[in-house]
Amino acid sequence: MNIGNRIQEARKHQNMTQEDLATKLNVSRSTIASWESGRNIPDVNSLIELSKVLKIPFSSLSKGKNGIARKRIMKIGICLFLVAIVCCSSYICYRKYQFSDISDQNYIKEITVDKDILTIETDLPFYKSLAGASLSASIHNQNAIEIHLISKIDLSLSNNNAITYSIDELTSDFGLNELDEIYIMYQDKILKKYDL
């Protein structure tokens, strides 16, 4: 039994006409008729008043195939499901792209050496920050190092766009006599080359 049938049955049980019920609820007779026919559904406040006037439990009006509680629960459930899908998708994308090698040479702004300090500056988009680097001895030149720059998603707007290394430490760490060249790499390809 739907909500309209419940209202009609309870109204008739109380020996009320649609006009009598409308007067007690301070609504029009056509409103009662639309509820009973199923064209419209009363809001929660109207359901509370109906349960008082018709002397029936609120739950008997709000449950059932076309009950307002069931419809609201369905709407809330669908909304929560959609929110969960969006959150999961966002999290998966975030995890997938959270850390990545810099693959565009245009993101490498400048490489400078000042007083034995190597500085690599990047020009990353506002949502990325320089997270670090992976360094190794070069296979292209015995007096060179290869650097893979790693970026991360960073929405703090205080993005780190520079990384520094001591030239002396780099030469000793990689057993180089001297450091002649630096290669910024991406997937075994040289993105940018810098001669010292």
Protein backbone atom coordinates (compact mmCIF):
# COMPACT_ATOMS: atom_id res chain seq x y z
CA MET A 1 0.00 0.00 0.00
CA ASN A 2 1.39 3.40 -0.96
CA ILE A 3 1.36 6.54 1.14
CA GLY A 4 -1.71 7.99 -0.62
CA ASN A 5 -3.74 4.87 0.13
CA ARG A 6 -2.61 4.97 3.76
CA ILE A 7 -3.75 8.60 4.12
CA GLN A 8 -7.08 7.87 2.46
CA GLU A 9 -7.71 4.77 4.57
CA ALA A 10 -6.81 6.56 7.81
CA ARG A 11 -8.96 9.58 6.86
CA LYS A 12 -11.99 7.39 6.15
CA HIS A 13 -11.38 5.48 9.39
CA GLN A 14 -11.65 8.83 11.23
CA ASN A 15 -14.87 9.59 9.27
CA MET A 16 -13.33 12.69 7.69
CA THR A 17 -13.82 14.10 4.23
CA GLN A 18 -10.90 15.48 2.26
CA GLU A 19 -12.24 18.93 3.13
CA ASP A 20 -12.25 18.11 6.88
CA LEU A 21 -8.66 16.88 6.76
CA ALA A 22 -7.56 19.87 4.69
CA THR A 23 -9.07 22.26 7.23
CA LYS A 24 -7.31 20.53 10.17
CA LEU A 25 -3.96 20.63 8.33
CA ASN A 26 -4.48 24.15 7.02
CA VAL A 27 -4.01 23.05 3.38
CA SER A 28 -6.35 22.97 0.39
CA ARG A 29 -8.66 20.05 -0.40
CA SER A 30 -6.81 19.63 -3.73
CA THR A 31 -3.57 19.07 -1.77
CA ILE A 32 -5.20 16.19 0.11
CA ALA A 33 -6.56 14.82 -3.18
CA SER A 34 -3.10 14.98 -4.80
CA TRP A 35 -1.55 13.13 -1.83
CA GLU A 36 -4.20 10.43 -1.89
CA SER A 37 -3.95 9.97 -5.66
CA GLY A 38 -0.17 9.68 -5.47
CA ARG A 39 0.50 12.71 -7.67
CA ASN A 40 2.36 14.39 -4.81
CA ILE A 41 3.94 13.21 -1.57
CA PRO A 42 3.61 15.18 1.66
CA ASP A 43 6.78 16.67 3.12
CA VAL A 44 8.07 15.54 6.50
CA ASN A 45 6.25 18.30 8.44
CA SER A 46 2.97 17.42 6.75
CA LEU A 47 3.53 13.74 7.54
CA ILE A 48 4.01 14.60 11.21
CA GLU A 49 0.78 16.61 11.26
CA LEU A 50 -1.05 13.86 9.34
CA SER A 51 0.02 11.26 11.89
CA LYS A 52 -1.32 13.47 14.73
CA VAL A 53 -4.62 14.35 13.06
CA LEU A 54 -5.30 10.84 11.74
CA LYS A 55 -4.05 9.25 15.00
CA ILE A 56 -1.68 6.83 13.28
CA PRO A 57 2.04 6.27 13.82
CA PHE A 58 4.38 8.42 11.74
CA SER A 59 6.24 5.28 10.68
CA SER A 60 3.14 3.83 9.02
CA LEU A 61 2.97 6.90 6.76
CA SER A 62 6.67 7.16 6.02
CA LYS A 63 7.39 3.55 5.12
CA GLY A 64 6.30 1.38 2.24
CA LYS A 65 6.82 1.15 -1.48
CA ASN A 66 6.28 4.86 -2.10
CA GLY A 67 7.07 6.05 1.43
CA ILE A 68 9.07 9.20 1.86
CA ALA A 69 11.65 7.55 4.13
CA ARG A 70 12.41 4.87 1.56
CA LYS A 71 12.82 7.44 -1.22
CA ARG A 72 15.10 9.59 0.92
CA ILE A 73 17.19 6.60 1.92
CA MET A 74 17.53 5.63 -1.74
CA LYS A 75 18.57 9.17 -2.70
CA ILE A 76 21.08 9.35 0.14
CA GLY A 77 22.44 5.92 -0.74
CA ILE A 78 22.88 6.86 -4.40
CA CYS A 79 24.58 10.14 -3.44
CA LEU A 80 26.93 8.36 -1.03
CA PHE A 81 27.74 5.76 -3.68
CA LEU A 82 28.58 8.49 -6.23
CA VAL A 83 30.69 10.36 -3.67
CA ALA A 84 32.54 7.12 -2.89
CA ILE A 85 33.24 6.53 -6.59
CA VAL A 86 34.56 10.08 -7.03
CA CYS A 87 36.73 9.80 -3.89
CA CYS A 88 38.14 6.41 -4.91
CA SER A 89 38.86 7.61 -8.46
CA SER A 90 40.55 10.75 -7.14
CA TYR A 91 42.65 8.74 -4.70
CA ILE A 92 43.71 6.26 -7.40
CA CYS A 93 44.70 9.10 -9.75
CA TYR A 94 46.54 10.85 -6.93
CA ARG A 95 48.48 7.69 -6.01
CA LYS A 96 49.28 6.96 -9.65
CA TYR A 97 50.56 10.46 -10.40
CA GLN A 98 51.73 11.50 -6.94
CA PHE A 99 55.40 10.96 -7.79
CA SER A 100 56.69 11.00 -11.34
CA ASP A 101 59.89 11.68 -13.23
CA ILE A 102 60.06 15.06 -14.92
CA SER A 103 59.59 14.22 -18.58
CA ASP A 104 59.53 17.65 -20.23
CA GLN A 105 62.73 19.61 -20.71
CA ASN A 106 60.72 22.83 -20.57
CA TYR A 107 60.18 22.15 -16.86
CA ILE A 108 63.95 22.45 -16.29
CA LYS A 109 64.45 26.18 -15.96
CA GLU A 110 68.16 26.51 -15.20
CA ILE A 111 71.24 24.61 -14.08
CA THR A 112 73.92 26.73 -12.37
CA VAL A 113 77.18 26.21 -10.51
CA ASP A 114 78.20 28.82 -7.94
CA LYS A 115 81.05 28.25 -5.45
CA ASP A 116 81.01 24.48 -5.99
CA ILE A 117 77.25 24.25 -5.46
CA LEU A 118 75.19 22.79 -8.29
CA THR A 119 71.65 24.17 -8.39
CA ILE A 120 68.92 22.77 -10.62
CA GLU A 121 65.87 25.01 -10.90
CA THR A 122 62.58 23.85 -12.33
CA ASP A 123 59.50 25.60 -13.60
CA LEU A 124 56.82 23.10 -12.68
CA PRO A 125 53.06 23.71 -12.85
CA PHE A 126 51.50 25.18 -9.69
CA TYR A 127 50.21 21.77 -8.55
CA LYS A 128 53.64 20.08 -8.64
CA SER A 129 56.77 20.38 -6.57
CA LEU A 130 60.30 19.03 -6.91
CA ALA A 131 60.44 16.03 -4.56
CA GLY A 132 63.99 14.88 -5.13
CA ALA A 133 66.27 13.21 -7.60
CA SER A 134 67.87 9.92 -8.43
CA LEU A 135 71.57 10.23 -9.31
CA SER A 136 73.92 7.77 -10.99
CA ALA A 137 77.22 7.68 -12.84
CA SER A 138 76.71 8.28 -16.55
CA ILE A 139 76.99 5.52 -19.13
CA HIS A 140 77.59 8.21 -21.79
CA ASN A 141 80.65 9.87 -20.23
CA GLN A 142 82.91 8.67 -17.40
CA ASN A 143 83.15 12.21 -15.97
CA ALA A 144 79.42 12.87 -15.92
CA ILE A 145 76.42 12.07 -13.77
CA GLU A 146 72.84 11.37 -14.74
CA ILE A 147 70.02 12.89 -12.74
CA HIS A 148 66.39 11.80 -12.84
CA LEU A 149 64.33 14.62 -11.32
CA ILE A 150 61.24 13.50 -9.42
CA SER A 151 58.18 15.69 -8.99
CA LYS A 152 55.18 15.20 -6.74
CA ILE A 153 51.67 16.57 -6.58
CA ASP A 154 51.74 19.51 -4.18
CA LEU A 155 48.71 21.74 -3.73
CA SER A 156 50.26 23.78 -0.92
CA LEU A 157 51.20 26.59 -3.34
CA SER A 158 54.60 26.80 -1.62
CA ASN A 159 56.15 24.50 -4.17
CA ASN A 160 59.80 23.55 -4.10
CA ASN A 161 61.32 24.25 -7.51
CA ALA A 162 65.05 23.90 -6.82
CA ILE A 163 67.49 21.25 -5.65
CA THR A 164 71.18 21.71 -4.76
CA TYR A 165 74.22 19.44 -4.58
CA SER A 166 77.85 19.95 -3.63
CA ILE A 167 80.11 19.28 -6.64
CA ASP A 168 82.82 17.85 -4.33
CA GLU A 169 80.37 15.38 -2.81
CA LEU A 170 79.10 14.33 -6.24
CA THR A 171 82.59 13.61 -7.56
CA SER A 172 83.59 11.64 -4.45
CA ASP A 173 80.26 9.75 -4.24
CA PHE A 174 80.56 8.54 -7.82
CA GLY A 175 84.34 8.11 -7.89
CA LEU A 176 84.90 10.73 -10.59
CA ASN A 177 88.21 12.51 -11.14
CA GLU A 178 86.27 15.58 -12.09
CA LEU A 179 82.73 16.39 -13.08
CA ASP A 180 82.49 17.62 -16.68
CA GLU A 181 78.85 17.15 -17.59
CA ILE A 182 75.46 16.69 -16.05
CA TYR A 183 72.64 14.95 -17.87
CA ILE A 184 69.04 15.40 -16.84
CA MET A 185 67.41 12.11 -17.82
CA TYR A 186 64.00 10.67 -18.50
CA GLN A 187 63.65 6.95 -19.27
CA ASP A 188 67.26 6.54 -20.36
CA LYS A 189 67.08 9.56 -22.68
CA ILE A 190 68.89 12.83 -22.12
CA LEU A 191 66.40 15.68 -21.63
CA LYS A 192 68.98 18.35 -20.97
CA LYS A 193 72.78 18.42 -20.95
CA TYR A 194 74.89 20.85 -18.97
CA ASP A 195 78.67 21.32 -19.41
CA LEU A 196 80.63 22.42 -16.35
